[in-house]
């Protein structure tokens, strides 16, 4: 079934406030979830809400800045919902970049924060380049292995552009935890080559994959990026280098003012030139159009706003049962 985005947003806010989250915080978390749905990232959308409501109903603190300089800060997540910590970390990076040209924030002691493109787009909407990496539960095997060592470890960058921002947001795993949750909910198998069961055998069963490990995307190249994200988000950010599930995840968050290197108008023209060259390149057979990263998700957002968010009936029944 499909429901209007505003109705889905109100439902998410109701569930979170009923669980004990303050209204302002509930609006932030709900907005991240709805943006994921609008952009076609259902694995980071409303399917995450029941678990977030559990977190909100339990004991949790607030994030705090433990030390900082003019262009950097270190944040302790304090057991807060990761969505809120990530939002506050990027807001802090944006403030520092607006004043000093760059802002770099390392975060420790935090949890899952959803779709990273939401946070880097916060920077791009202010005319800044946004960057973010994070680590999480050891679920992804290194190239040549079958044991989970890395998190799904996404890397995200958003760049202001003449029209909609360029947005690169990719997990360094061949599939994400959200993909597994959606496949389990739908009762569908995974494509071959994405996962291993607990005994290290290839599997297409998402439940077995939850007990085993995911492959890195792109072979040794994806594995290298997963390692890089693990180090930047963990050891560099002061978080656990190899976190246990749900414990001491880390983020590295940055915002950069392009004006520190060249006039803003010159930067935007340069970005536009690259996009134009890309879109005007000769196309392979069967390719109607070359899209830059983020263009498809922007179109998906516009269409989903028009037709509504698709949601499984059993999930909406569960969420309505969690409302106040």
Protein backbone atom coordinates (compact mmCIF):
# COMPACT_ATOMS: atom_id res chain seq x y z
CA UNK A 1 0.00 0.00 0.00
CA UNK A 2 1.05 3.65 -0.42
CA UNK A 3 0.57 6.54 1.97
CA UNK A 4 1.34 10.25 1.53
CA UNK A 5 4.77 11.35 2.75
CA UNK A 6 3.27 13.80 5.25
CA UNK A 7 1.13 11.03 6.75
CA UNK A 8 4.16 8.74 7.00
CA UNK A 9 6.18 11.52 8.64
CA UNK A 10 3.45 12.21 11.19
CA UNK A 11 3.19 8.49 11.94
CA UNK A 12 6.95 8.23 12.53
CA UNK A 13 6.93 11.27 14.81
CA UNK A 14 3.99 9.86 16.79
CA UNK A 15 5.74 6.52 17.29
CA UNK A 16 8.94 8.19 18.49
CA UNK A 17 7.26 10.65 20.85
CA UNK A 18 5.09 7.84 22.25
CA UNK A 19 8.34 6.01 23.01
CA UNK A 20 9.59 9.00 24.97
CA UNK A 21 11.62 11.04 22.49
CA UNK A 22 11.31 14.83 22.67
CA UNK A 23 9.31 16.39 19.82
CA UNK A 24 12.30 18.20 18.26
CA UNK A 25 14.37 15.02 18.31
CA UNK A 26 11.49 12.96 16.92
CA UNK A 27 11.19 15.37 13.98
CA UNK A 28 14.87 14.94 13.11
CA UNK A 29 14.79 11.14 13.25
CA UNK A 30 11.50 10.97 11.32
CA UNK A 31 12.90 13.30 8.65
CA UNK A 32 15.91 11.04 8.09
CA UNK A 33 13.65 7.99 7.74
CA UNK A 34 11.23 9.70 5.36
CA UNK A 35 14.02 11.08 3.18
CA UNK A 36 15.35 7.53 2.85
CA UNK A 37 11.91 6.34 1.72
CA UNK A 38 11.56 9.22 -0.74
CA UNK A 39 14.97 8.52 -2.27
CA UNK A 40 14.34 4.81 -2.76
CA UNK A 41 16.42 3.62 0.21
CA UNK A 42 13.73 1.53 1.91
CA UNK A 43 16.27 -0.40 3.95
CA UNK A 44 17.02 2.86 5.79
CA UNK A 45 13.40 3.95 6.01
CA UNK A 46 10.38 3.10 8.13
CA UNK A 47 11.46 -0.52 8.51
CA UNK A 48 13.96 0.83 11.06
CA UNK A 49 11.31 2.57 13.17
CA UNK A 50 10.32 -0.23 15.58
CA UNK A 51 13.95 -0.69 16.66
CA UNK A 52 14.39 3.08 17.03
CA UNK A 53 11.29 3.23 19.18
CA UNK A 54 12.82 0.56 21.42
CA UNK A 55 15.98 2.65 21.74
CA UNK A 56 13.95 5.78 22.52
CA UNK A 57 11.99 3.93 25.20
CA UNK A 58 15.15 2.64 26.91
CA UNK A 59 17.94 4.40 28.74
CA UNK A 60 19.91 6.81 26.58
CA UNK A 61 21.92 9.94 27.11
CA UNK A 62 22.84 12.91 24.93
CA UNK A 63 25.84 13.62 22.76
CA UNK A 64 28.38 16.20 23.94
CA UNK A 65 31.52 17.89 22.65
CA UNK A 66 34.47 16.65 24.70
CA UNK A 67 37.15 18.85 23.10
CA UNK A 68 37.41 21.17 20.12
CA UNK A 69 39.41 23.73 18.20
CA UNK A 70 38.38 26.36 15.66
CA UNK A 71 38.08 23.84 12.78
CA UNK A 72 37.58 20.51 14.56
CA UNK A 73 35.71 18.83 17.41
CA UNK A 74 35.46 15.46 19.13
CA UNK A 75 31.98 14.30 20.12
CA UNK A 76 30.91 11.60 22.59
CA UNK A 77 27.60 10.15 21.46
CA UNK A 78 26.61 9.39 25.04
CA UNK A 79 24.37 6.51 24.04
CA UNK A 80 22.05 8.86 22.15
CA UNK A 81 20.18 7.63 19.06
CA UNK A 82 22.80 7.82 16.33
CA UNK A 83 20.54 9.78 13.98
CA UNK A 84 20.56 12.68 16.44
CA UNK A 85 24.29 12.47 17.07
CA UNK A 86 25.07 12.45 13.34
CA UNK A 87 22.76 15.43 12.77
CA UNK A 88 24.42 17.41 15.55
CA UNK A 89 27.91 16.46 14.37
CA UNK A 90 27.23 17.67 10.84
CA UNK A 91 25.58 20.86 12.12
CA UNK A 92 28.73 21.51 14.16
CA UNK A 93 30.98 20.83 11.15
CA UNK A 94 28.85 23.22 9.04
CA UNK A 95 29.12 25.99 11.65
CA UNK A 96 32.90 25.65 11.78
CA UNK A 97 33.20 25.57 7.98
CA UNK A 98 31.03 28.69 7.68
CA UNK A 99 33.35 30.55 10.05
CA UNK A 100 36.76 29.06 9.28
CA UNK A 101 36.42 27.34 5.89
CA UNK A 102 36.54 23.75 7.14
CA UNK A 103 34.93 21.72 9.89
CA UNK A 104 36.02 18.21 10.93
CA UNK A 105 34.20 16.23 13.62
CA UNK A 106 35.09 12.81 14.99
CA UNK A 107 32.38 10.91 16.87
CA UNK A 108 32.70 7.98 19.25
CA UNK A 109 30.31 6.04 21.49
CA UNK A 110 27.43 6.18 19.05
CA UNK A 111 25.08 3.89 17.11
CA UNK A 112 23.55 3.37 13.68
CA UNK A 113 22.56 6.67 12.01
CA UNK A 114 20.71 5.61 8.86
CA UNK A 115 21.24 7.06 5.38
CA UNK A 116 24.48 9.06 5.28
CA UNK A 117 23.40 11.11 2.27
CA UNK A 118 20.93 12.93 4.55
CA UNK A 119 23.78 14.42 6.59
CA UNK A 120 26.12 15.32 3.73
CA UNK A 121 23.18 16.99 1.97
CA UNK A 122 22.84 19.22 5.04
CA UNK A 123 26.22 20.68 4.05
CA UNK A 124 25.51 20.84 0.31
CA UNK A 125 22.31 22.77 0.97
CA UNK A 126 24.50 25.41 2.66
CA UNK A 127 26.84 25.59 -0.35
CA UNK A 128 29.45 23.37 1.32
CA UNK A 129 30.97 20.04 0.37
CA UNK A 130 29.89 17.41 2.92
CA UNK A 131 31.75 14.18 3.66
CA UNK A 132 31.01 11.36 6.09
CA UNK A 133 32.08 7.83 6.89
CA UNK A 134 30.86 5.51 9.64
CA UNK A 135 31.51 2.00 10.92
CA UNK A 136 29.19 -0.50 12.58
CA UNK A 137 28.79 -4.17 13.53
CA UNK A 138 31.43 -6.54 12.07
CA UNK A 139 29.30 -7.98 9.28
CA UNK A 140 31.44 -7.72 6.11
CA UNK A 141 34.19 -10.15 5.13
CA UNK A 142 37.46 -8.85 3.67
CA UNK A 143 38.26 -9.90 0.11
CA UNK A 144 39.18 -13.59 0.15
CA UNK A 145 37.56 -14.18 3.57
CA UNK A 146 34.17 -15.34 4.84
CA UNK A 147 34.25 -13.92 8.39
CA UNK A 148 32.69 -10.56 9.21
CA UNK A 149 35.41 -8.05 10.12
CA UNK A 150 34.26 -4.70 8.75
CA UNK A 151 30.97 -2.91 9.10
CA UNK A 152 28.96 -2.10 6.01
CA UNK A 153 30.96 1.14 6.32
CA UNK A 154 29.32 3.59 3.95
CA UNK A 155 31.18 6.54 2.47
CA UNK A 156 29.16 9.61 1.46
CA UNK A 157 29.99 12.90 -0.24
CA UNK A 158 27.64 15.68 -1.38
CA UNK A 159 28.80 18.47 -3.68
CA UNK A 160 26.84 21.64 -4.51
CA UNK A 161 26.06 21.77 -8.23
CA UNK A 162 24.24 24.15 -10.60
CA UNK A 163 21.00 22.14 -10.19
CA UNK A 164 20.63 19.36 -7.61
CA UNK A 165 23.73 18.37 -5.60
CA UNK A 166 25.94 15.49 -6.64
CA UNK A 167 25.49 12.82 -3.97
CA UNK A 168 27.70 9.75 -3.65
CA UNK A 169 26.47 7.47 -0.84
CA UNK A 170 27.62 3.89 -1.06
CA UNK A 171 28.05 1.04 1.33
CA UNK A 172 31.38 -0.71 0.93
CA UNK A 173 29.54 -4.03 1.25
CA UNK A 174 27.83 -5.87 -1.60
CA UNK A 175 24.52 -5.58 0.30
CA UNK A 176 23.47 -3.69 3.40
CA UNK A 177 21.77 -4.70 6.64
CA UNK A 178 18.74 -2.80 5.37
CA UNK A 179 18.74 -4.93 2.21
CA UNK A 180 18.64 -8.04 4.40
CA UNK A 181 15.76 -6.66 6.48
CA UNK A 182 13.73 -5.83 3.37
CA UNK A 183 14.43 -9.25 1.82
CA UNK A 184 13.38 -10.99 5.04
CA UNK A 185 10.21 -8.91 5.24
CA UNK A 186 9.30 -9.73 1.63
CA UNK A 187 10.36 -13.38 1.86
CA UNK A 188 12.71 -12.94 -1.09
CA UNK A 189 16.18 -14.43 -1.68
CA UNK A 190 19.32 -12.35 -2.15
CA UNK A 191 21.14 -12.32 -5.50
CA UNK A 192 24.01 -14.79 -5.67
CA UNK A 193 27.47 -13.74 -4.57
CA UNK A 194 26.52 -11.25 -1.87
CA UNK A 195 26.65 -13.24 1.36
CA UNK A 196 27.94 -16.21 3.37
CA UNK A 197 26.23 -18.27 6.06
CA UNK A 198 27.68 -18.88 9.53
CA UNK A 199 29.80 -21.74 8.16
CA UNK A 200 31.31 -19.60 5.42
CA UNK A 201 29.28 -21.08 2.56
CA UNK A 202 27.73 -18.81 -0.08
CA UNK A 203 24.04 -18.21 0.59
CA UNK A 204 21.08 -16.38 -0.91
CA UNK A 205 19.01 -16.72 2.29
CA UNK A 206 18.89 -13.29 4.02
CA UNK A 207 18.28 -14.89 7.43
CA UNK A 208 21.40 -17.04 7.03
CA UNK A 209 23.31 -13.97 5.84
CA UNK A 210 22.32 -12.19 9.08
CA UNK A 211 24.04 -14.99 10.97
CA UNK A 212 27.04 -15.06 8.63
CA UNK A 213 28.75 -12.33 6.65
CA UNK A 214 28.33 -10.09 3.63
CA UNK A 215 30.86 -9.75 0.85
CA UNK A 216 32.56 -6.45 0.09
CA UNK A 217 31.40 -4.86 -3.17
CA UNK A 218 33.77 -4.86 -6.14
CA UNK A 219 36.18 -7.48 -4.86
CA UNK A 220 39.52 -6.23 -3.57
CA UNK A 221 38.70 -2.58 -4.36
CA UNK A 222 35.58 -2.55 -2.20
CA UNK A 223 37.42 -4.40 0.52
CA UNK A 224 40.12 -1.69 0.50
CA UNK A 225 37.48 1.04 0.82
CA UNK A 226 35.82 -0.87 3.68
CA UNK A 227 39.16 -1.01 5.49
CA UNK A 228 39.72 2.71 4.91
CA UNK A 229 36.26 3.60 6.25
CA UNK A 230 36.82 1.31 9.25
CA UNK A 231 40.00 3.16 10.19
CA UNK A 232 38.70 6.68 9.52
CA UNK A 233 35.46 6.06 11.44
CA UNK A 234 37.00 4.03 14.25
CA UNK A 235 40.65 4.46 15.15
CA UNK A 236 40.95 8.01 13.75
CA UNK A 237 37.63 9.19 15.23
CA UNK A 238 38.53 7.75 18.64
CA UNK A 239 35.83 5.07 18.49
CA UNK A 240 36.28 1.30 18.74
CA UNK A 241 38.47 0.03 15.87
CA UNK A 242 36.37 -3.18 15.77
CA UNK A 243 33.07 -2.40 17.52
CA UNK A 244 30.80 -5.01 18.99
CA UNK A 245 27.21 -4.89 17.65
CA UNK A 246 25.53 -1.69 18.79
CA UNK A 247 28.52 -0.48 20.83
CA UNK A 248 30.90 2.46 20.28
CA UNK A 249 30.40 2.99 16.57
CA UNK A 250 32.25 5.97 15.11
CA UNK A 251 31.74 8.65 12.47
CA UNK A 252 34.09 11.01 10.69
CA UNK A 253 32.15 14.08 9.53
CA UNK A 254 33.47 17.01 7.49
CA UNK A 255 32.24 20.18 5.79
CA UNK A 256 34.36 22.23 3.40
CA UNK A 257 33.71 25.71 2.04
CA UNK A 258 34.78 25.64 -1.63
CA UNK A 259 35.52 29.35 -1.32
CA UNK A 260 38.74 28.63 0.59
CA UNK A 261 40.33 27.58 -2.72
CA UNK A 262 38.55 29.56 -5.44
CA UNK A 263 35.55 31.86 -5.87
CA UNK A 264 32.24 30.05 -5.34
CA UNK A 265 30.97 30.97 -8.82
CA UNK A 266 34.11 29.49 -10.35
CA UNK A 267 33.65 26.29 -8.34
CA UNK A 268 30.03 25.89 -9.43
CA UNK A 269 30.92 26.51 -13.07
CA UNK A 270 33.63 23.86 -12.82
CA UNK A 271 31.21 21.34 -11.34
CA UNK A 272 28.73 22.16 -14.07
CA UNK A 273 31.35 21.62 -16.78
CA UNK A 274 32.18 18.16 -15.43
CA UNK A 275 28.49 17.20 -15.22
CA UNK A 276 27.83 18.43 -18.77
CA UNK A 277 30.79 16.48 -20.14
CA UNK A 278 29.64 13.36 -18.32
CA UNK A 279 26.04 13.60 -19.53
CA UNK A 280 27.10 14.35 -23.12
CA UNK A 281 29.51 11.42 -23.35
CA UNK A 282 28.86 8.75 -26.00
CA UNK A 283 26.51 6.15 -24.54
CA UNK A 284 26.61 2.38 -24.66
CA UNK A 285 23.83 0.54 -26.48
CA UNK A 286 20.65 0.53 -24.42
CA UNK A 287 21.64 3.50 -22.24
CA UNK A 288 19.02 6.23 -22.73
CA UNK A 289 20.72 8.74 -20.45
CA UNK A 290 23.86 9.12 -18.34
CA UNK A 291 22.98 10.14 -14.79
CA UNK A 292 25.31 11.74 -12.27
CA UNK A 293 25.29 10.37 -8.70
CA UNK A 294 22.23 11.60 -6.83
CA UNK A 295 20.20 12.41 -9.94
CA UNK A 296 18.18 9.19 -9.82
CA UNK A 297 17.42 9.60 -6.11
CA UNK A 298 16.28 13.19 -6.67
CA UNK A 299 13.86 12.02 -9.37
CA UNK A 300 12.69 9.20 -7.11
CA UNK A 301 12.06 11.77 -4.38
CA UNK A 302 9.90 13.92 -6.65
CA UNK A 303 7.89 10.92 -7.88
CA UNK A 304 7.40 9.44 -4.41
CA UNK A 305 6.20 12.80 -3.11
CA UNK A 306 3.60 12.68 -5.90
CA UNK A 307 2.39 9.07 -5.54
CA UNK A 308 3.13 8.28 -1.89
CA UNK A 309 5.47 6.03 0.08
CA UNK A 310 5.13 2.29 -0.41
CA UNK A 311 4.83 0.41 2.87
CA UNK A 312 4.03 -3.20 3.69
CA UNK A 313 0.62 -3.58 5.40
CA UNK A 314 2.10 -5.59 8.30
CA UNK A 315 4.67 -2.86 8.96
CA UNK A 316 2.11 -0.06 9.03
CA UNK A 317 -0.08 -2.14 11.37
CA UNK A 318 2.92 -2.60 13.66
CA UNK A 319 3.74 1.12 13.60
CA UNK A 320 0.15 2.18 14.27
CA UNK A 321 0.21 -0.14 17.27
CA UNK A 322 3.18 1.83 18.61
CA UNK A 323 1.45 5.21 18.38
CA UNK A 324 0.34 6.96 21.56
